[in-house]
Amino acid sequence: NMMSCREVTELASQSLDRDLTLRERVALGIHEAMCSGCRSFEKQLKMLREICRAYASGEDERTDR
């Protein structure tokens, strides 16, 4: 039984805060193999997290302050 996009986006969001179980990782991978929208969502979510971490740690690349 394939997960819905709503379930996948929730799981992708949770994966930022906790380790997913093997079953969750497999279900996420199967869905994302067939759904470009959810692949894009997870990629953007990870990128946003990296940007926020860099900003919080003072790695802001802007030098025109």
N, C-alpha and C. Protein backbone atom coordinates (compact mmCIF):
# COMPACT_ATOMS: atom_id res chain seq x y z
N ASN A 1 0.85 -1.18 0.00
CA ASN A 1 0.00 0.00 0.00
C ASN A 1 0.89 1.24 0.00
N MET A 2 0.86 1.99 -1.11
CA MET A 2 1.72 3.16 -1.26
C MET A 2 1.21 4.33 -0.42
N MET A 3 2.15 5.06 0.16
CA MET A 3 1.81 6.22 0.97
C MET A 3 1.28 7.34 0.08
N SER A 4 0.43 8.18 0.65
CA SER A 4 -0.05 9.36 -0.06
C SER A 4 1.00 10.46 0.01
N CYS A 5 0.88 11.44 -0.86
CA CYS A 5 1.82 12.57 -0.84
C CYS A 5 1.76 13.29 0.50
N ARG A 6 0.59 13.40 1.07
CA ARG A 6 0.44 14.06 2.38
C ARG A 6 1.23 13.30 3.45
N GLU A 7 1.13 11.98 3.45
CA GLU A 7 1.86 11.16 4.42
C GLU A 7 3.37 11.28 4.19
N VAL A 8 3.78 11.31 2.93
CA VAL A 8 5.20 11.39 2.60
C VAL A 8 5.79 12.73 3.04
N THR A 9 5.07 13.83 2.80
CA THR A 9 5.60 15.13 3.20
C THR A 9 5.71 15.22 4.73
N GLU A 10 4.76 14.64 5.44
CA GLU A 10 4.83 14.62 6.90
C GLU A 10 6.04 13.80 7.37
N LEU A 11 6.24 12.66 6.76
CA LEU A 11 7.37 11.80 7.11
C LEU A 11 8.70 12.47 6.78
N ALA A 12 8.76 13.12 5.64
CA ALA A 12 10.00 13.83 5.26
C ALA A 12 10.30 14.93 6.26
N SER A 13 9.28 15.61 6.72
CA SER A 13 9.47 16.65 7.73
C SER A 13 9.94 16.05 9.05
N GLN A 14 9.35 14.93 9.44
CA GLN A 14 9.76 14.26 10.68
C GLN A 14 11.20 13.77 10.60
N SER A 15 11.64 13.41 9.40
CA SER A 15 12.99 12.86 9.24
C SER A 15 14.07 13.88 9.59
N LEU A 16 13.71 15.15 9.63
CA LEU A 16 14.66 16.19 10.02
C LEU A 16 14.89 16.19 11.53
N ASP A 17 13.93 15.64 12.28
CA ASP A 17 13.99 15.66 13.74
C ASP A 17 14.25 14.32 14.39
N ARG A 18 14.09 13.26 13.63
CA ARG A 18 14.30 11.92 14.21
C ARG A 18 14.74 10.96 13.11
N ASP A 19 15.34 9.86 13.53
CA ASP A 19 15.70 8.80 12.58
C ASP A 19 14.45 8.03 12.21
N LEU A 20 14.25 7.83 10.93
CA LEU A 20 13.11 7.05 10.48
C LEU A 20 13.40 5.56 10.65
N THR A 21 12.35 4.79 10.84
CA THR A 21 12.50 3.34 10.91
C THR A 21 12.82 2.82 9.52
N LEU A 22 13.27 1.61 9.44
CA LEU A 22 13.54 0.98 8.15
C LEU A 22 12.28 0.97 7.29
N ARG A 23 11.18 0.61 7.87
CA ARG A 23 9.90 0.56 7.14
C ARG A 23 9.54 1.94 6.59
N GLU A 24 9.73 2.99 7.40
CA GLU A 24 9.42 4.35 6.95
C GLU A 24 10.35 4.78 5.81
N ARG A 25 11.64 4.47 5.93
CA ARG A 25 12.60 4.83 4.88
C ARG A 25 12.28 4.13 3.57
N VAL A 26 11.91 2.86 3.65
CA VAL A 26 11.57 2.10 2.44
C VAL A 26 10.31 2.69 1.80
N ALA A 27 9.29 2.94 2.60
CA ALA A 27 8.04 3.49 2.08
C ALA A 27 8.28 4.87 1.44
N LEU A 28 9.09 5.68 2.08
CA LEU A 28 9.43 7.01 1.55
C LEU A 28 10.17 6.86 0.22
N GLY A 29 11.14 5.96 0.17
CA GLY A 29 11.91 5.75 -1.04
C GLY A 29 11.08 5.25 -2.20
N ILE A 30 10.17 4.33 -1.93
CA ILE A 30 9.30 3.80 -2.99
C ILE A 30 8.41 4.91 -3.55
N HIS A 31 7.82 5.68 -2.65
CA HIS A 31 6.95 6.76 -3.11
C HIS A 31 7.74 7.79 -3.92
N GLU A 32 8.88 8.20 -3.40
CA GLU A 32 9.67 9.22 -4.08
C GLU A 32 10.25 8.73 -5.41
N ALA A 33 10.42 7.43 -5.56
CA ALA A 33 10.89 6.90 -6.83
C ALA A 33 9.86 7.14 -7.94
N MET A 34 8.60 7.29 -7.54
CA MET A 34 7.53 7.47 -8.52
C MET A 34 6.92 8.87 -8.51
N CYS A 35 7.29 9.70 -7.56
CA CYS A 35 6.63 11.00 -7.41
C CYS A 35 7.65 12.13 -7.40
N SER A 36 7.77 12.83 -8.50
CA SER A 36 8.76 13.90 -8.61
C SER A 36 8.42 15.07 -7.69
N GLY A 37 7.15 15.29 -7.43
CA GLY A 37 6.76 16.38 -6.52
C GLY A 37 7.28 16.16 -5.11
N CYS A 38 7.16 14.95 -4.62
CA CYS A 38 7.64 14.63 -3.27
C CYS A 38 9.17 14.61 -3.22
N ARG A 39 9.82 14.18 -4.31
CA ARG A 39 11.28 14.23 -4.37
C ARG A 39 11.74 15.69 -4.25
N SER A 40 11.08 16.56 -4.99
CA SER A 40 11.42 17.98 -4.95
C SER A 40 11.17 18.57 -3.58
N PHE A 41 10.05 18.19 -2.96
CA PHE A 41 9.73 18.70 -1.63
C PHE A 41 10.82 18.33 -0.63
N GLU A 42 11.24 17.07 -0.63
CA GLU A 42 12.25 16.64 0.33
C GLU A 42 13.59 17.33 0.06
N LYS A 43 13.93 17.49 -1.19
CA LYS A 43 15.18 18.18 -1.55
C LYS A 43 15.15 19.63 -1.06
N GLN A 44 14.03 20.30 -1.26
CA GLN A 44 13.90 21.69 -0.82
C GLN A 44 13.90 21.80 0.70
N LEU A 45 13.28 20.84 1.36
CA LEU A 45 13.26 20.82 2.82
C LEU A 45 14.67 20.70 3.38
N LYS A 46 15.47 19.80 2.80
CA LYS A 46 16.85 19.63 3.25
C LYS A 46 17.69 20.87 2.96
N MET A 47 17.47 21.49 1.81
CA MET A 47 18.22 22.69 1.46
C MET A 47 17.88 23.83 2.43
N LEU A 48 16.60 23.98 2.75
CA LEU A 48 16.18 25.01 3.68
C LEU A 48 16.82 24.80 5.06
N ARG A 49 16.88 23.56 5.48
CA ARG A 49 17.50 23.27 6.78
C ARG A 49 18.98 23.64 6.75
N GLU A 50 19.69 23.32 5.67
CA GLU A 50 21.11 23.66 5.56
C GLU A 50 21.31 25.17 5.59
N ILE A 51 20.46 25.90 4.89
CA ILE A 51 20.55 27.36 4.86
C ILE A 51 20.33 27.94 6.25
N CYS A 52 19.33 27.44 6.95
CA CYS A 52 19.04 27.91 8.31
C CYS A 52 20.19 27.61 9.26
N ARG A 53 20.77 26.44 9.16
CA ARG A 53 21.90 26.08 10.01
C ARG A 53 23.10 26.98 9.73
N ALA A 54 23.38 27.22 8.45
CA ALA A 54 24.51 28.08 8.08
C ALA A 54 24.29 29.49 8.61
N TYR A 55 23.08 30.00 8.48
CA TYR A 55 22.77 31.35 8.96
C TYR A 55 22.91 31.42 10.48
N ALA A 56 22.39 30.42 11.18
CA ALA A 56 22.45 30.41 12.64
C ALA A 56 23.87 30.31 13.17
N SER A 57 24.74 29.67 12.40
CA SER A 57 26.12 29.51 12.86
C SER A 57 27.03 30.65 12.38
N GLY A 58 26.45 31.65 11.73
CA GLY A 58 27.22 32.80 11.31
C GLY A 58 27.95 32.63 10.00
N GLU A 59 27.58 31.64 9.23
CA GLU A 59 28.25 31.40 7.95
C GLU A 59 27.57 32.12 6.82
N ASP A 60 26.91 33.22 7.14
CA ASP A 60 26.24 34.03 6.13
C ASP A 60 27.29 34.58 5.19
N GLU A 61 27.10 34.34 3.89
CA GLU A 61 28.12 34.72 2.90
C GLU A 61 28.05 36.19 2.50
N ARG A 62 27.04 36.90 2.93
CA ARG A 62 26.94 38.31 2.55
C ARG A 62 28.04 39.10 3.23
N THR A 63 28.72 39.94 2.48
CA THR A 63 29.82 40.73 3.03
C THR A 63 29.54 42.22 2.96
N ASP A 64 28.35 42.60 2.50
CA ASP A 64 28.02 44.01 2.31
C ASP A 64 27.27 44.61 3.49
N ARG A 65 27.59 44.20 4.70
CA ARG A 65 26.89 44.73 5.87
C ARG A 65 27.57 45.94 6.42
